[in-house]
Protein backbone atom coordinates (compact mmCIF):
# COMPACT_ATOMS: atom_id res chain seq x y z
CA MET A 1 0.13 0.09 0.04
CA GLN A 2 1.34 3.53 -1.16
CA LEU A 3 1.78 5.91 1.70
CA GLN A 4 0.36 9.36 0.88
CA LEU A 5 0.79 12.42 3.26
CA LYS A 6 -0.49 15.75 2.49
CA PRO A 7 2.04 18.43 2.75
CA ARG A 8 1.00 19.59 6.61
CA ALA A 9 1.15 15.92 7.84
CA ALA A 10 4.66 15.48 6.22
CA PHE A 11 5.81 18.75 7.90
CA LEU A 12 4.43 17.34 11.26
CA VAL A 13 6.25 14.08 10.92
CA PHE A 14 9.63 15.61 9.91
CA ASN A 15 9.31 17.80 13.16
CA PHE A 16 8.54 14.83 15.03
CA MET A 17 11.53 12.95 13.84
CA LEU A 18 13.62 15.87 14.25
CA ILE A 19 12.72 16.71 17.76
CA PHE A 20 13.09 12.96 18.50
CA LEU A 21 16.59 12.69 17.29
CA MET A 22 18.02 15.72 19.14
CA ALA A 23 16.06 14.42 22.43
CA ASN A 24 18.12 11.03 21.87
CA ALA A 25 21.60 13.15 21.20
CA VAL A 26 20.97 15.02 24.46
CA TRP A 27 20.17 11.85 26.45
CA TRP A 28 23.28 9.92 25.09
CA PHE A 29 25.35 13.26 26.20
CA ILE A 30 23.82 13.05 29.51
CA LEU A 31 24.39 9.50 29.96
CA MET A 32 28.03 9.39 28.67
CA GLU A 33 28.58 12.26 31.46
CA ARG A 34 27.10 10.05 34.07
CA VAL A 35 29.29 7.03 32.85
CA ILE A 36 32.63 9.34 33.19
CA ASP A 37 31.45 10.45 36.82
CA GLU A 38 30.63 6.74 37.75
CA LYS A 39 34.09 5.46 36.63
CA ILE A 40 36.00 8.30 38.52
CA GLU A 41 33.96 7.69 41.65
CA MET A 42 34.75 3.94 41.35
CA SER A 43 38.39 4.88 41.21
CA GLN A 44 38.53 7.16 43.90
CA GLU A 45 36.69 4.41 46.09
CA LEU A 46 39.47 1.95 45.21
CA GLY A 47 42.08 4.34 46.14
CA ALA A 48 43.52 5.48 42.61
CA SER A 49 45.96 8.03 42.65
CA PRO A 50 45.00 11.47 41.08
CA GLU A 51 47.37 10.94 38.35
CA VAL A 52 45.32 7.54 37.55
CA ILE A 53 42.13 9.59 37.77
CA GLU A 54 43.15 12.11 35.61
CA HIS A 55 44.27 9.68 33.09
CA ILE A 56 40.93 7.85 33.15
CA TYR A 57 39.14 11.25 32.71
CA GLU A 58 40.80 11.98 29.94
CA GLN A 59 40.74 8.83 28.15
CA GLU A 60 36.61 8.75 28.84
CA SER A 61 36.65 12.45 27.81
CA SER A 62 38.36 11.58 24.43
CA ARG A 63 36.19 8.60 23.67
CA GLN A 64 33.11 10.88 24.56
CA ARG A 65 34.22 13.41 22.01
CA MET A 66 34.85 10.65 19.47
CA VAL A 67 31.26 9.33 19.98
CA MET A 68 29.49 12.45 19.96
CA LEU A 69 31.50 13.59 16.56
CA GLU A 70 30.38 10.09 15.06
CA ALA A 71 26.85 10.86 16.59
CA VAL A 72 26.74 14.48 15.09
CA VAL A 73 27.93 13.24 11.51
CA PHE A 74 25.21 10.59 11.87
CA PHE A 75 22.58 13.08 12.93
CA LEU A 76 23.35 15.56 9.84
CA VAL A 77 22.87 12.48 7.38
CA LEU A 78 19.94 11.39 8.75
CA LEU A 79 18.52 14.83 8.96
CA ALA A 80 19.34 15.39 5.37
CA GLY A 81 17.68 12.13 4.35
CA LEU A 82 14.46 13.08 6.16
CA TRP A 83 14.50 16.30 4.80
CA MET A 84 14.72 14.73 1.16
CA ILE A 85 11.98 12.58 2.11
CA TYR A 86 9.78 15.19 3.31
CA ARG A 87 10.56 17.47 -0.06
CA THR A 88 9.68 14.35 -2.00
CA LEU A 89 6.41 13.85 -0.49
CA VAL A 90 5.35 17.40 -0.65
CA LYS A 91 6.47 17.51 -4.24
CA GLN A 92 4.48 14.57 -5.16
CA ARG A 93 1.63 16.12 -3.45
CA GLU A 94 2.01 19.24 -5.80
CA LEU A 95 2.47 17.30 -9.02
CA ARG A 96 -0.71 15.28 -8.11
CA GLN A 97 -2.73 18.30 -7.53
CA GLN A 98 -1.28 19.72 -10.86
CA GLN A 99 -2.09 16.70 -12.70
CA GLU A 100 -5.78 16.89 -11.26
CA ASN A 101 -5.82 20.23 -12.26
CA PHE A 102 -4.76 19.58 -15.79
CA MET A 103 -7.25 16.66 -16.05
CA MET A 104 -10.23 19.39 -15.01
CA ALA A 105 -8.94 21.87 -17.32
CA ILE A 106 -8.35 19.64 -20.35
CA THR A 107 -11.92 17.96 -19.60
CA HIS A 108 -13.42 21.41 -19.75
CA GLU A 109 -11.56 22.48 -22.59
CA LEU A 110 -12.59 19.52 -24.75
CA LYS A 111 -16.36 19.59 -23.55
CA THR A 112 -17.04 23.08 -23.74
CA PRO A 113 -16.32 23.70 -27.50
CA LEU A 114 -17.83 20.26 -28.57
CA ALA A 115 -21.05 21.15 -26.66
CA SER A 116 -21.00 24.59 -28.24
CA ILE A 117 -20.25 22.76 -31.81
CA ASN A 118 -23.35 20.35 -31.20
CA LEU A 119 -25.57 23.34 -30.30
CA TYR A 120 -24.49 25.37 -33.64
CA VAL A 121 -24.75 22.36 -35.77
CA ASP A 122 -28.34 21.70 -34.40
CA SER A 123 -29.24 25.51 -35.22
CA LEU A 124 -27.98 24.87 -38.55
CA LEU A 125 -30.12 22.15 -39.07
CA THR A 126 -33.08 23.81 -38.00
CA PRO A 127 -35.27 24.79 -41.23
CA GLU A 128 -36.58 27.96 -39.84
CA ILE A 129 -32.97 29.51 -39.41
CA ALA A 130 -32.37 32.37 -41.73
CA GLU A 131 -29.57 32.69 -44.08
CA GLN A 132 -28.12 35.11 -42.35
CA GLU A 133 -27.83 33.56 -39.07
CA LYS A 134 -26.28 30.35 -40.54
CA GLN A 135 -23.45 32.87 -41.83
CA ASP A 136 -23.14 34.10 -38.43
CA ILE A 137 -22.77 30.68 -36.86
CA LEU A 138 -20.05 29.23 -39.20
CA PRO A 139 -17.35 31.65 -37.86
CA LYS A 140 -18.14 30.53 -34.16
CA ILE A 141 -17.81 26.75 -35.12
CA LYS A 142 -14.78 27.52 -36.98
CA HIS A 143 -13.31 29.22 -33.72
CA ASP A 144 -14.57 26.07 -31.39
CA VAL A 145 -12.85 23.55 -33.84
CA TYR A 146 -9.70 25.67 -33.83
CA ARG A 147 -9.71 25.76 -30.06
CA LEU A 148 -9.98 21.91 -29.82
CA MET A 149 -7.11 21.53 -32.47
CA ARG A 150 -4.86 23.78 -30.50
CA GLN A 151 -5.50 21.79 -27.36
CA VAL A 152 -4.75 18.64 -28.77
CA GLU A 153 -1.57 20.23 -30.53
CA ASN A 154 -0.51 21.37 -26.97
CA VAL A 155 -0.73 17.85 -25.43
CA LEU A 156 1.16 16.39 -28.44
CA GLU A 157 3.98 19.30 -28.18
CA VAL A 158 4.54 17.97 -24.66
CA ALA A 159 5.14 14.42 -25.73
CA ARG A 160 7.36 15.65 -28.69
CA HIS A 161 9.79 17.68 -26.28
CA HIS A 162 10.10 14.97 -24.14
CA GLY A 163 11.51 12.91 -26.72
CA LEU A 164 8.45 10.77 -27.49
CA THR A 165 8.10 11.58 -31.16
CA GLU A 166 10.79 12.29 -33.81
CA LYS A 167 13.23 15.08 -33.41
CA SER A 168 12.93 18.60 -34.99
CA SER A 169 13.62 19.60 -38.35
CA TYR A 170 15.98 22.43 -38.26
CA GLU A 171 16.57 25.13 -41.21
CA SER A 172 17.49 28.33 -42.06
CA PHE A 173 14.39 30.81 -42.30
CA ASP A 174 13.32 34.41 -42.27
CA LEU A 175 11.94 35.13 -38.34
CA SER A 176 10.83 38.49 -39.31
CA GLN A 177 8.67 36.86 -42.04
CA LEU A 178 7.42 33.99 -39.67
CA LEU A 179 6.51 36.57 -36.86
CA GLY A 180 4.56 38.79 -39.38
CA GLN A 181 2.75 35.80 -40.29
CA ARG A 182 1.82 34.65 -36.89
CA LEU A 183 0.51 38.46 -35.96
CA ASP A 184 -1.72 38.32 -39.17
CA ALA A 185 -3.24 35.01 -37.96
CA LEU A 186 -4.40 36.55 -34.68
CA ASN A 187 -7.47 38.28 -36.42
CA LYS A 188 -8.86 35.01 -37.65
CA PHE A 189 -9.71 33.44 -34.26
CA TYR A 190 -9.80 36.20 -31.84
CA THR A 191 -12.80 38.14 -32.25
CA ASN A 192 -13.72 38.42 -28.47
CA VAL A 193 -10.60 40.80 -27.58
CA ASN A 194 -10.17 44.30 -28.61
CA TYR A 195 -6.74 44.63 -28.98
CA ARG A 196 -4.22 47.17 -31.07
CA LEU A 197 -0.76 45.79 -32.29
CA LYS A 198 2.44 48.11 -31.86
CA THR A 199 5.18 46.46 -33.71
CA ASP A 200 9.14 47.20 -34.01
CA ILE A 201 10.14 44.26 -36.00
CA GLU A 202 13.66 44.40 -37.90
CA GLU A 203 13.64 42.98 -41.27
CA SER A 204 15.40 39.81 -42.45
CA VAL A 205 16.41 38.53 -39.05
CA ARG A 206 17.21 34.81 -40.00
CA ILE A 207 17.50 32.03 -37.65
CA TYR A 208 18.60 28.38 -37.59
CA GLY A 209 15.69 26.25 -36.22
CA ASP A 210 12.72 24.48 -36.43
CA ARG A 211 10.43 27.04 -38.23
CA ARG A 212 7.32 25.09 -36.94
CA SER A 213 8.28 24.98 -33.29
CA ILE A 214 9.30 28.54 -33.08
CA GLY A 215 6.14 29.66 -34.86
CA LYS A 216 4.13 27.61 -32.05
CA ALA A 217 6.05 29.49 -29.47
CA ILE A 218 4.98 32.78 -30.76
CA ASP A 219 1.58 31.59 -30.94
CA LEU A 220 1.41 30.49 -27.32
CA ILE A 221 2.77 33.62 -26.01
CA LEU A 222 0.40 35.70 -28.15
CA GLU A 223 -2.27 33.68 -27.27
CA ASN A 224 -1.55 34.31 -23.47
CA SER A 225 -2.21 37.78 -23.85
CA LEU A 226 -5.52 37.29 -25.67
CA VAL A 227 -6.89 34.64 -23.63
CA HIS A 228 -6.47 36.30 -20.20
CA ASN A 229 -7.88 39.54 -21.52
CA GLU A 230 -11.20 38.75 -23.13
CA GLY A 231 -13.52 41.69 -22.69
CA ARG A 232 -10.45 44.05 -22.48
CA ASP A 233 -9.14 47.00 -24.41
CA ILE A 234 -5.61 46.07 -24.80
CA GLU A 235 -2.14 47.06 -26.55
CA ILE A 236 0.17 44.06 -27.73
CA ILE A 237 3.75 45.23 -28.36
CA VAL A 238 5.97 43.04 -30.20
CA GLU A 239 9.70 43.87 -30.84
CA LEU A 240 12.44 42.03 -32.78
CA SER A 241 16.04 42.81 -32.96
CA LEU A 242 19.33 41.22 -33.89
CA ASN A 243 22.43 42.41 -32.37
CA ASN A 244 25.93 40.59 -32.63
CA ASN A 245 24.28 37.34 -33.63
CA ILE A 246 21.67 37.65 -30.82
CA ILE A 247 17.88 37.80 -31.60
CA SER A 248 15.92 39.75 -28.86
CA LEU A 249 12.06 38.87 -29.24
CA ASN A 250 9.98 40.76 -26.80
CA ILE A 251 6.17 40.26 -26.60
CA GLY A 252 4.19 42.33 -24.00
CA ASP A 253 0.64 43.62 -22.95
CA ASN A 254 -0.94 46.36 -21.01
CA GLY A 255 -3.35 43.94 -19.74
CA CYS A 256 -4.13 41.85 -16.48
CA GLY A 257 -0.71 41.25 -15.52
CA VAL A 258 0.69 38.53 -12.94
CA ASP A 259 1.24 38.71 -9.03
CA LYS A 260 4.88 39.11 -8.60
CA GLU A 261 4.69 35.62 -6.20
CA GLU A 262 3.33 33.73 -9.44
CA LEU A 263 6.24 34.78 -11.98
CA ALA A 264 8.57 31.95 -10.77
CA SER A 265 5.93 29.62 -11.47
CA ILE A 266 4.54 30.80 -14.74
CA PHE A 267 6.44 28.54 -16.60
CA ASP A 268 5.74 25.23 -14.68
CA GLN A 269 3.87 22.25 -16.23
CA PHE A 270 -0.04 22.52 -15.61
CA TYR A 271 0.57 25.57 -13.61
CA ARG A 272 -2.53 27.94 -13.87
CA ALA A 273 -3.10 30.79 -11.27
CA GLY A 274 -6.27 30.51 -9.15
CA PRO A 275 -9.07 27.83 -8.42
CA GLU A 276 -9.64 25.55 -11.37
CA LEU A 277 -13.60 25.44 -11.37
CA THR A 278 -13.95 29.37 -11.26
CA ARG A 279 -11.18 30.47 -13.18
CA PRO A 280 -12.38 32.88 -15.80
CA SER A 281 -10.13 32.10 -18.72
CA TYR A 282 -9.54 28.77 -20.43
CA GLY A 283 -6.38 26.80 -20.81
CA THR A 284 -4.62 23.89 -19.65
CA GLY A 285 -1.38 25.34 -17.93
CA LEU A 286 0.69 23.91 -20.82
CA GLY A 287 0.99 26.74 -23.32
CA LEU A 288 3.91 28.81 -21.70
CA TYR A 289 5.54 25.34 -20.45
CA ILE A 290 5.68 24.16 -23.97
CA ALA A 291 6.87 28.16 -25.19
CA ARG A 292 9.80 27.66 -22.74
CA GLU A 293 10.59 23.96 -23.82
CA ILE A 294 10.77 24.97 -27.51
CA ILE A 295 13.15 28.28 -26.53
CA ASN A 296 15.57 26.29 -24.66
CA SER A 297 15.51 23.34 -27.03
CA HIS A 298 17.04 26.08 -29.54
CA GLY A 299 19.60 27.25 -26.91
CA GLY A 300 17.60 30.29 -25.97
CA THR A 301 16.07 31.61 -22.89
CA ILE A 302 12.51 33.13 -22.01
CA SER A 303 11.79 35.36 -19.05
CA VAL A 304 8.89 37.57 -17.78
CA ILE A 305 8.55 40.62 -16.19
CA SER A 306 5.02 41.99 -14.43
CA ASP A 307 4.49 44.86 -12.05
CA GLY A 308 1.57 43.03 -10.66
CA PRO A 309 -2.17 42.99 -11.47
CA SER A 310 -3.50 45.05 -14.19
CA LYS A 311 -0.35 46.34 -14.94
CA GLY A 312 0.38 44.28 -17.90
CA ILE A 313 3.08 41.33 -18.55
CA LYS A 314 6.23 41.23 -20.87
CA PHE A 315 8.02 38.34 -22.32
CA LEU A 316 11.71 38.54 -23.29
CA ILE A 317 13.09 35.76 -25.52
CA ILE A 318 16.97 35.89 -26.09
CA ILE A 319 18.16 33.35 -28.64
CA LYS A 320 21.23 32.75 -30.61
CA ARG A 321 20.83 33.11 -34.63
CA GLY A 322 23.00 30.03 -35.27
CA LYS A 323 23.97 28.46 -38.56
CA GLU A 324 23.42 25.81 -40.68
CA HIS A 325 25.95 23.01 -40.58
């Protein structure tokens, strides 16, 4: 039977073991002091000379120091082991909670657009529906299909970057052109967000890498701004530059922002802020994790800056241009 402890229970067990070990160490120290005293008293009763008593005291004190040193080393090793066990239990609990959140999120992400598509199809099959209403429904169906496809692609992308699928196909391509294409594609699927684009894109910035994967990373970062700012009027700022063979790509917005305490976890797999069932924005907690994995696989780095809620967010990508071998 597998032992499962909540973080609080694991912490209490760890503290109990720590106190128990410290109490044992104190008890052994007191016991050894008593042993020395008893030996000296016995030697005095037998009429031993002061020199012999002093020798006995030094000998026993030396033995005591040696035993105590071994006990301290053993105590530290055991304490380190207990700490590792405690951290493992806590991390297992956190991972299990993240996986449960992911299952809840992915279920919601698949069920909601399917239900919506089913409702739209039933409406299209209704004889009384006007032609104009049919034309209004079709883009909504396309948006829900796109949403389903993106979630499936995200799950497959995680497997791909865990080495479960074939390696990336690298080539030299125009990143400036690819970035422009991904920005143009935003208008096709995000009609619920009022956004403005402000760009400063250096022309003809070429990079050696996987064109599809880098395009995916760009899409995921852009979608992060759109998904979390539905109903808002926001500005998305995109900057691309090349300096000494180093490419800098910055994507930011002036939207809802992120708590500073969450910035360290924003790229974690399955991580999503807030309660899973009451969160207003959709998603599975995989998007930014995948973006980070893609950038890292190309030898680059991605970081995030936000001054807090309602103060926007900015992603900073630094990557070498590389060259074809």
